[in-house]
Amino acid sequence: MKWTTANSKNANYTENHEIYVGTHTGSFKKLDVAAENPHAQTNLQSIQTLTKDSKITALSYGNQEETEILIGRLNKFVKIYDLPSNEYTSNIELAESPIVGLNRYDGKLVAGFASGKLSILTDPEATVLTAGDCMSRMRQCAFDGKLVATGGKERQNNLKIFNLESMKQVFSSKNLPNDFLNLEVPTWDSDMAFLDVNRVSTCSRYGYVRYYDTRAQRRPVALYSAEDQMSFACLIAKDPYVYCGTTMGALKAFDTRNMKNFVHTYKGFTGSVSDLALDHSGKFIVSGSLDRYVRVHQTDSCVMLYQCYVKSKVTRVLVRDATAAVASRGEEDDSVLIVGEANGDEQSDDDDEYNALFDQMPTIRDAEKDGGDDLQSKVSKRKRKSKTNDVKKKKKH
């Protein structure tokens, strides 16, 4: 697909993806890529109810089935959107804002704030953990829901991992040694992602991408440091690759097995990449940027497959495979069909009629037997006639 600012979709992009978009103005939209009009936008909240403080700062799924979306706004409110019923089920007001991360654990809502506090909402009060004084992002581990990672600006807000079950900090990263001038290396973990329970990767506004193994050491086991003025704003990972969006409108892919340089570059952006999302297969990466576009790239070929103008600056994106979601919800229907097949008394009469009908129909082999001799005799007669004609022609010449 050539670079363009118009809405476009590659003919080879046939996945049944649903993309949910949170914007700077507070609008919450849905894009159905597999629909007849793949660029039609469905507003899931009335625009008239939005204010200047309605900016969406956090967007995540509330369960593994991806049937619930948690929406955090700048105005301290958290809304819960239920996908099967297509309606909001809760509207919760928190103690402070902005919210930089939302997730659920053991039925409880966990919120991370820019002030560095980690709040676990329980009845009748909230339990608070402290991760520093300036948090940029909070992420939950998809492999173990009780683990969350936080990171922010300055050394005291570096990467930390908390166990929500024991309510304790289980890991804290250590900065690199001082530089050749014996000055402290500046840190700013703007985003992070789990590759598994023990491995985490972070990116920074200062132009580095670090890869940690919590079992080995506190310092990164591998890292990439940009020589030019490159600033990373968001990150998403699927082992062994890490995808990072920059503030200059670029998307880079790194291989954690060798992070000396990036392995892929995805093009088509004209503004800062604000958020990233991967589908479950890891073959497609969805990005939202401040140029008001949502894009889908193929991770292996780097081809841009989809682009849609959403009219507002994108702050958060989520992707969902609608086919897998429908299949999971239809398990009960499948069980009903199986029961119906087992109880076949009602269909016995119809089956007898069909069997009798097919028994009366002649088979192909029987037809060949009936007319096979006549066909062979006709062929042999034609061959004899052709031979006699050839002999007559030769005698005349």
Protein backbone atom coordinates (compact mmCIF):
# COMPACT_ATOMS: atom_id res chain seq x y z
CA MET A 1 0.00 0.00 0.00
CA LYS A 2 1.44 3.38 -1.01
CA TRP A 3 1.72 6.23 1.44
CA THR A 4 -1.51 8.19 1.54
CA THR A 5 -3.60 10.27 3.93
CA ALA A 6 -6.89 8.83 2.68
CA ASN A 7 -8.82 5.96 4.23
CA SER A 8 -7.60 2.72 2.72
CA LYS A 9 -7.69 -1.03 3.17
CA ASN A 10 -5.54 -3.70 1.53
CA ALA A 11 -7.44 -6.45 -0.26
CA ASN A 12 -5.26 -9.05 1.46
CA TYR A 13 -6.41 -7.88 4.89
CA THR A 14 -9.30 -10.25 5.59
CA GLU A 15 -9.09 -10.61 9.37
CA ASN A 16 -12.25 -10.07 11.39
CA HIS A 17 -10.80 -7.46 13.74
CA GLU A 18 -12.66 -4.96 15.89
CA ILE A 19 -10.66 -1.90 16.93
CA TYR A 20 -11.65 0.27 19.91
CA VAL A 21 -10.27 3.80 20.00
CA GLY A 22 -9.97 6.31 22.82
CA THR A 23 -9.24 9.90 21.83
CA HIS A 24 -7.98 13.18 23.23
CA THR A 25 -11.47 14.71 23.13
CA GLY A 26 -12.92 11.81 25.13
CA SER A 27 -14.79 10.06 22.34
CA PHE A 28 -14.83 6.26 22.43
CA LYS A 29 -15.19 4.63 19.02
CA LYS A 30 -15.41 1.24 17.40
CA LEU A 31 -14.03 0.29 13.97
CA ASP A 32 -15.25 -2.95 12.41
CA VAL A 33 -12.60 -3.79 9.84
CA ALA A 34 -14.52 -6.74 8.36
CA ALA A 35 -17.74 -4.77 7.78
CA GLU A 36 -19.03 -3.72 4.38
CA ASN A 37 -17.76 -0.20 5.10
CA PRO A 38 -14.52 -0.86 7.06
CA HIS A 39 -14.02 2.85 7.81
CA ALA A 40 -17.42 3.47 9.41
CA GLN A 41 -17.03 4.72 12.98
CA THR A 42 -19.47 3.86 15.74
CA ASN A 43 -19.48 6.27 18.68
CA LEU A 44 -19.99 4.23 21.84
CA GLN A 45 -20.62 7.33 23.93
CA SER A 46 -22.69 10.42 23.23
CA ILE A 47 -20.52 13.32 22.13
CA GLN A 48 -22.81 15.82 23.86
CA THR A 49 -21.78 14.44 27.28
CA LEU A 50 -18.06 15.10 26.74
CA THR A 51 -16.17 17.93 28.41
CA LYS A 52 -12.61 19.27 28.32
CA ASP A 53 -11.62 16.77 31.03
CA SER A 54 -13.05 13.71 29.24
CA LYS A 55 -9.74 12.71 27.65
CA ILE A 56 -9.22 8.94 27.72
CA THR A 57 -5.94 8.21 29.47
CA ALA A 58 -6.32 4.44 30.05
CA LEU A 59 -7.98 1.69 28.05
CA SER A 60 -7.74 -2.05 28.73
CA TYR A 61 -9.73 -5.28 28.83
CA GLY A 62 -11.20 -6.24 32.17
CA ASN A 63 -11.08 -10.02 31.65
CA GLN A 64 -9.33 -12.66 29.57
CA GLU A 65 -12.43 -13.25 27.46
CA GLU A 66 -12.21 -9.60 26.28
CA THR A 67 -15.88 -8.95 26.89
CA GLU A 68 -15.33 -5.97 29.19
CA ILE A 69 -13.43 -2.73 28.55
CA LEU A 70 -12.13 -0.48 31.31
CA ILE A 71 -12.02 3.22 30.36
CA GLY A 72 -10.08 5.71 32.48
CA ARG A 73 -10.59 9.43 31.93
CA LEU A 74 -8.86 12.63 32.95
CA ASN A 75 -11.87 13.66 35.04
CA LYS A 76 -11.23 10.85 37.61
CA PHE A 77 -14.04 8.67 36.30
CA VAL A 78 -13.71 5.03 35.26
CA LYS A 79 -16.38 3.57 33.01
CA ILE A 80 -16.89 -0.12 32.33
CA TYR A 81 -18.26 -1.05 28.92
CA ASP A 82 -19.82 -4.48 28.41
CA LEU A 83 -19.37 -5.72 24.84
CA PRO A 84 -22.06 -8.46 24.68
CA SER A 85 -24.78 -6.02 25.82
CA ASN A 86 -23.18 -2.94 24.17
CA GLU A 87 -23.79 -0.72 27.17
CA TYR A 88 -22.01 0.83 30.15
CA THR A 89 -22.41 -1.15 33.35
CA SER A 90 -20.52 1.03 35.87
CA ASN A 91 -19.34 4.59 36.38
CA ILE A 92 -16.80 4.88 39.23
CA GLU A 93 -15.22 8.07 40.53
CA LEU A 94 -11.65 7.70 41.81
CA ALA A 95 -9.75 9.82 44.27
CA GLU A 96 -7.38 11.49 41.82
CA SER A 97 -6.23 11.72 38.21
CA PRO A 98 -4.80 11.31 35.65
CA ILE A 99 -5.14 7.54 35.41
CA VAL A 100 -2.23 5.88 33.61
CA GLY A 101 -3.29 2.25 33.93
CA LEU A 102 -6.36 0.09 34.65
CA ASN A 103 -6.85 -3.64 35.16
CA ARG A 104 -8.72 -6.20 37.22
CA TYR A 105 -7.38 -8.76 39.64
CA ASP A 106 -9.48 -11.15 41.70
CA GLY A 107 -12.58 -9.13 40.86
CA LYS A 108 -11.02 -5.91 42.14
CA LEU A 109 -10.28 -2.82 40.09
CA VAL A 110 -6.61 -1.75 40.11
CA ALA A 111 -5.72 1.79 39.03
CA GLY A 112 -2.36 3.47 38.57
CA PHE A 113 -2.08 7.25 38.87
CA ALA A 114 0.47 9.70 37.52
CA SER A 115 1.27 10.66 41.12
CA GLY A 116 2.90 7.24 41.56
CA LYS A 117 0.15 5.61 43.61
CA LEU A 118 -1.23 2.16 42.92
CA SER A 119 -4.79 1.82 44.20
CA ILE A 120 -6.66 -1.47 44.65
CA LEU A 121 -10.35 -0.66 45.01
CA THR A 122 -12.03 -2.83 47.65
CA ASP A 123 -15.14 -2.36 49.75
CA PRO A 124 -15.38 -0.24 51.76
CA GLU A 125 -11.97 1.43 51.15
CA ALA A 126 -8.98 1.27 48.80
CA THR A 127 -5.54 -0.22 49.45
CA VAL A 128 -2.71 1.99 48.18
CA LEU A 129 0.83 1.04 47.13
CA THR A 130 3.52 3.58 46.28
CA ALA A 131 5.59 3.16 43.13
CA GLY A 132 7.29 6.57 43.17
CA ASP A 133 6.17 10.12 42.61
CA CYS A 134 5.81 10.26 38.81
CA MET A 135 4.30 7.29 36.98
CA SER A 136 4.05 7.18 33.18
CA ARG A 137 2.38 3.78 32.69
CA MET A 138 1.10 0.73 34.51
CA ARG A 139 0.80 -2.66 32.79
CA GLN A 140 -0.62 -5.97 33.97
CA CYS A 141 1.10 -9.26 33.16
CA ALA A 142 -1.04 -11.29 30.75
CA PHE A 143 0.60 -14.53 31.95
CA ASP A 144 0.01 -13.92 35.66
CA GLY A 145 -2.67 -11.39 36.59
CA LYS A 146 -1.31 -10.71 40.06
CA LEU A 147 1.83 -9.04 38.62
CA VAL A 148 1.82 -5.40 37.49
CA ALA A 149 4.71 -3.28 36.24
CA THR A 150 5.10 0.47 36.66
CA GLY A 151 7.58 3.01 35.35
CA GLY A 152 8.11 6.73 35.14
CA LYS A 153 10.54 9.61 34.93
CA GLU A 154 13.78 9.86 36.96
CA ARG A 155 15.70 7.19 38.81
CA GLN A 156 13.28 6.84 41.74
CA ASN A 157 10.49 5.94 39.29
CA ASN A 158 12.30 3.27 37.32
CA LEU A 159 10.77 -0.11 36.42
CA LYS A 160 9.10 -1.82 39.37
CA ILE A 161 7.02 -5.01 39.56
CA PHE A 162 4.40 -5.53 42.27
CA ASN A 163 2.62 -8.68 43.44
CA LEU A 164 -1.01 -7.80 44.10
CA GLU A 165 -1.59 -11.00 46.04
CA SER A 166 1.14 -10.39 48.63
CA MET A 167 0.91 -6.57 48.23
CA LYS A 168 4.69 -6.36 47.95
CA GLN A 169 7.26 -5.10 45.48
CA VAL A 170 9.04 -8.11 43.94
CA PHE A 171 11.44 -6.39 41.52
CA SER A 172 13.07 -3.01 41.03
CA SER A 173 15.40 -2.30 38.13
CA LYS A 174 18.84 -0.81 38.54
CA ASN A 175 20.22 1.93 36.31
CA LEU A 176 23.28 1.52 34.10
CA PRO A 177 26.71 2.49 35.47
CA ASN A 178 27.68 6.15 35.23
CA ASP A 179 28.96 7.42 31.90
CA PHE A 180 32.54 8.35 31.05
CA LEU A 181 32.07 11.69 32.81
CA ASN A 182 30.90 9.82 35.92
CA LEU A 183 27.42 11.29 35.47
CA GLU A 184 24.25 9.37 36.13
CA VAL A 185 22.54 8.02 33.02
CA PRO A 186 19.09 9.68 32.76
CA THR A 187 16.11 7.31 32.93
CA TRP A 188 12.50 7.61 31.89
CA ASP A 189 10.52 4.39 31.46
CA SER A 190 7.62 5.68 29.39
CA ASP A 191 6.09 2.25 28.73
CA MET A 192 6.71 -1.42 29.44
CA ALA A 193 5.43 -4.89 28.50
CA PHE A 194 5.78 -8.47 29.75
CA LEU A 195 7.23 -11.12 27.43
CA ASP A 196 6.51 -13.75 30.07
CA VAL A 197 6.33 -13.90 33.86
CA ASN A 198 10.06 -13.20 34.32
CA ARG A 199 10.99 -11.07 31.31
CA VAL A 200 10.04 -7.42 30.83
CA SER A 201 10.98 -4.81 28.26
CA THR A 202 10.81 -1.02 28.62
CA CYS A 203 11.19 1.97 26.34
CA SER A 204 12.13 5.54 27.15
CA ARG A 205 11.67 9.11 26.05
CA TYR A 206 15.48 9.28 26.22
CA GLY A 207 15.84 6.95 23.24
CA TYR A 208 16.62 3.54 24.73
CA VAL A 209 14.88 0.16 24.82
CA ARG A 210 15.88 -2.18 27.66
CA TYR A 211 15.23 -5.86 28.18
CA TYR A 212 15.17 -7.32 31.71
CA ASP A 213 15.25 -10.85 33.08
CA THR A 214 14.17 -10.64 36.70
CA ARG A 215 15.77 -14.02 37.48
CA ALA A 216 19.23 -12.92 36.33
CA GLN A 217 19.93 -9.38 37.53
CA ARG A 218 18.44 -5.97 38.22
CA ARG A 219 20.22 -4.28 35.35
CA PRO A 220 19.08 -4.93 31.76
CA VAL A 221 20.50 -8.03 30.10
CA ALA A 222 20.21 -6.40 26.66
CA LEU A 223 19.49 -2.90 25.43
CA TYR A 224 19.28 -0.61 22.43
CA SER A 225 20.38 2.99 22.65
CA ALA A 226 19.71 5.39 19.79
CA GLU A 227 22.56 7.59 18.66
CA ASP A 228 20.23 10.14 17.07
CA GLN A 229 17.44 12.07 18.77
CA MET A 230 14.92 9.21 18.98
CA SER A 231 12.25 9.27 21.68
CA PHE A 232 10.02 6.24 22.36
CA ALA A 233 6.49 6.85 23.63
CA CYS A 234 4.79 3.43 23.70
CA LEU A 235 5.64 -0.25 23.58
CA ILE A 236 4.02 -3.65 23.03
CA ALA A 237 5.68 -7.06 23.02
CA LYS A 238 5.17 -10.64 21.90
CA ASP A 239 8.10 -12.97 22.48
CA PRO A 240 10.71 -12.57 21.08
CA TYR A 241 9.84 -9.23 19.46
CA VAL A 242 9.31 -5.80 20.98
CA TYR A 243 7.52 -3.03 19.05
CA CYS A 244 8.11 0.62 19.96
CA GLY A 245 6.45 3.78 18.68
CA THR A 246 8.33 7.07 18.63
CA THR A 247 7.31 10.68 19.15
CA MET A 248 8.63 11.50 15.66
CA GLY A 249 6.13 9.26 13.84
CA ALA A 250 7.93 5.93 13.43
CA LEU A 251 7.41 2.36 14.56
CA LYS A 252 10.37 0.06 15.21
CA ALA A 253 10.60 -3.67 15.94
CA PHE A 254 13.39 -5.21 18.03
CA ASP A 255 14.47 -8.80 18.55
CA THR A 256 15.31 -9.45 22.20
CA ARG A 257 17.90 -12.04 21.15
CA ASN A 258 20.00 -9.31 19.54
CA MET A 259 19.08 -5.73 20.38
CA LYS A 260 22.02 -3.95 18.83
CA ASN A 261 19.72 -2.62 16.13
CA PHE A 262 16.05 -2.74 15.15
CA VAL A 263 14.92 -5.42 12.72
CA HIS A 264 11.84 -3.75 11.18
CA THR A 265 10.61 -0.23 10.47
CA TYR A 266 6.94 0.46 9.82
CA LYS A 267 6.10 3.56 7.81
CA GLY A 268 3.09 5.72 7.02
CA PHE A 269 2.93 7.92 10.14
CA THR A 270 2.84 11.71 10.14
CA GLY A 271 2.53 12.24 13.90
CA SER A 272 3.66 10.79 17.21
CA VAL A 273 2.61 7.18 17.83
CA SER A 274 0.58 7.26 21.04
CA ASP A 275 -0.42 3.62 21.59
CA LEU A 276 0.03 0.10 20.18
CA ALA A 277 -1.91 -3.17 20.30
CA LEU A 278 -1.22 -6.67 18.97
CA ASP A 279 -3.75 -9.29 18.01
CA HIS A 280 -3.47 -12.75 19.59
CA SER A 281 -1.61 -14.23 16.63
CA GLY A 282 1.05 -11.52 16.70
CA LYS A 283 0.78 -11.10 12.92
CA PHE A 284 -0.95 -7.69 13.00
CA ILE A 285 -0.08 -4.58 14.97
CA VAL A 286 -2.58 -1.76 15.48
CA SER A 287 -1.32 1.76 16.14
CA GLY A 288 -2.94 5.04 17.05
CA SER A 289 -1.18 8.35 16.56
CA LEU A 290 -1.65 12.04 17.13
CA ASP A 291 -2.20 12.61 13.40
CA ARG A 292 -5.74 11.26 14.06
CA TYR A 293 -5.20 7.98 12.21
CA VAL A 294 -5.55 4.34 13.22
CA ARG A 295 -3.34 1.99 11.22
CA VAL A 296 -2.80 -1.76 10.95
CA HIS A 297 0.54 -3.17 9.79
CA GLN A 298 1.58 -6.74 9.14
CA THR A 299 4.40 -7.50 11.56
CA ASP A 300 6.49 -9.67 9.21
CA SER A 301 6.25 -7.84 5.89
CA CYS A 302 5.86 -4.32 7.40
CA VAL A 303 3.06 -3.62 4.90
CA MET A 304 0.37 -1.17 5.98
CA LEU A 305 -2.94 -3.00 5.52
CA TYR A 306 -5.46 -0.53 6.93
CA GLN A 307 -5.73 3.18 7.62
CA CYS A 308 -8.67 5.16 8.99
CA TYR A 309 -9.07 8.82 9.91
CA VAL A 310 -10.92 9.04 13.25
CA LYS A 311 -11.26 12.86 13.46
CA SER A 312 -9.58 13.18 16.90
CA LYS A 313 -6.10 12.64 18.31
CA VAL A 314 -5.79 9.00 19.33
CA THR A 315 -4.61 8.29 22.87
CA ARG A 316 -5.39 4.56 23.32
CA VAL A 317 -6.27 1.60 21.06
CA LEU A 318 -7.44 -1.98 21.61
CA VAL A 319 -7.89 -4.80 19.09
CA ARG A 320 -10.18 -7.80 19.34
CA ASP A 321 -10.77 -10.81 17.09
CA ALA A 322 -14.53 -10.88 16.68
CA THR A 323 -14.52 -14.41 15.22
CA ALA A 324 -12.80 -15.89 18.26
CA ALA A 325 -15.14 -14.00 20.59
CA VAL A 326 -18.25 -15.30 18.82
CA ALA A 327 -16.84 -18.85 18.88
CA SER A 328 -16.24 -18.68 22.63
CA ARG A 329 -19.78 -17.41 23.24
CA GLY A 330 -21.24 -20.13 20.98
CA GLU A 331 -19.88 -23.09 22.92
CA GLU A 332 -23.23 -23.55 24.64
CA ASP A 333 -25.04 -23.55 21.30
CA ASP A 334 -22.69 -26.26 20.01
CA SER A 335 -23.51 -28.44 22.99
CA VAL A 336 -27.22 -28.10 22.21
CA LEU A 337 -26.61 -29.24 18.65
CA ILE A 338 -24.73 -32.29 19.86
CA VAL A 339 -27.63 -33.27 22.10
CA GLY A 340 -30.00 -32.94 19.17
CA GLU A 341 -27.87 -35.27 17.06
CA ALA A 342 -27.81 -37.86 19.82
CA ASN A 343 -31.61 -37.83 20.06
CA GLY A 344 -32.41 -38.73 16.48
CA ASP A 345 -35.88 -40.22 16.87
CA GLU A 346 -37.63 -37.19 15.39
CA GLN A 347 -35.56 -37.34 12.19
CA SER A 348 -35.87 -41.10 11.64
CA ASP A 349 -38.78 -40.77 9.14
CA ASP A 350 -36.94 -38.25 7.02
CA ASP A 351 -33.82 -40.39 6.99
CA ASP A 352 -35.80 -43.41 5.73
CA GLU A 353 -37.28 -41.38 2.87
CA TYR A 354 -33.86 -40.12 1.81
CA ASN A 355 -32.37 -43.61 1.94
CA ALA A 356 -35.19 -45.02 -0.18
CA LEU A 357 -34.75 -42.23 -2.73
CA PHE A 358 -31.03 -42.87 -3.10
CA ASP A 359 -31.53 -46.64 -3.38
CA GLN A 360 -33.76 -46.14 -6.42
CA MET A 361 -31.23 -43.95 -8.25
CA PRO A 362 -28.95 -45.80 -10.72
CA THR A 363 -25.23 -45.68 -10.07
CA ILE A 364 -22.62 -44.63 -12.59
CA ARG A 365 -21.09 -48.09 -12.75
CA ASP A 366 -24.44 -49.68 -13.61
CA ALA A 367 -24.90 -47.22 -16.47
CA GLU A 368 -21.47 -48.08 -17.80
CA LYS A 369 -22.28 -51.80 -17.69
CA ASP A 370 -25.56 -51.32 -19.56
CA GLY A 371 -24.16 -49.24 -22.39
CA GLY A 372 -20.54 -50.25 -22.28
CA ASP A 373 -20.72 -52.96 -24.97
CA ASP A 374 -22.56 -50.72 -27.43
CA LEU A 375 -20.04 -47.96 -26.93
CA GLN A 376 -17.07 -50.26 -27.59
CA SER A 377 -18.69 -51.67 -30.76
CA LYS A 378 -19.31 -48.17 -32.12
CA VAL A 379 -15.71 -47.16 -31.50
CA SER A 380 -14.34 -50.27 -33.23
CA LYS A 381 -16.58 -49.67 -36.30
CA ARG A 382 -15.31 -46.10 -36.63
CA LYS A 383 -11.70 -47.28 -36.47
CA ARG A 384 -12.28 -49.89 -39.22
CA LYS A 385 -13.95 -47.30 -41.48
CA SER A 386 -11.09 -44.86 -41.06
CA LYS A 387 -8.52 -47.56 -41.95
CA THR A 388 -10.38 -48.58 -45.16
CA ASN A 389 -10.65 -44.95 -46.24
CA ASP A 390 -6.90 -44.47 -45.80
CA VAL A 391 -6.16 -47.56 -47.91
CA LYS A 392 -8.45 -46.34 -50.73
CA LYS A 393 -6.75 -42.92 -50.80
CA LYS A 394 -3.27 -44.52 -51.11
CA LYS A 395 -4.35 -46.74 -54.05
CA LYS A 396 -5.73 -43.75 -55.98
CA HIS A 397 -2.44 -41.84 -55.63
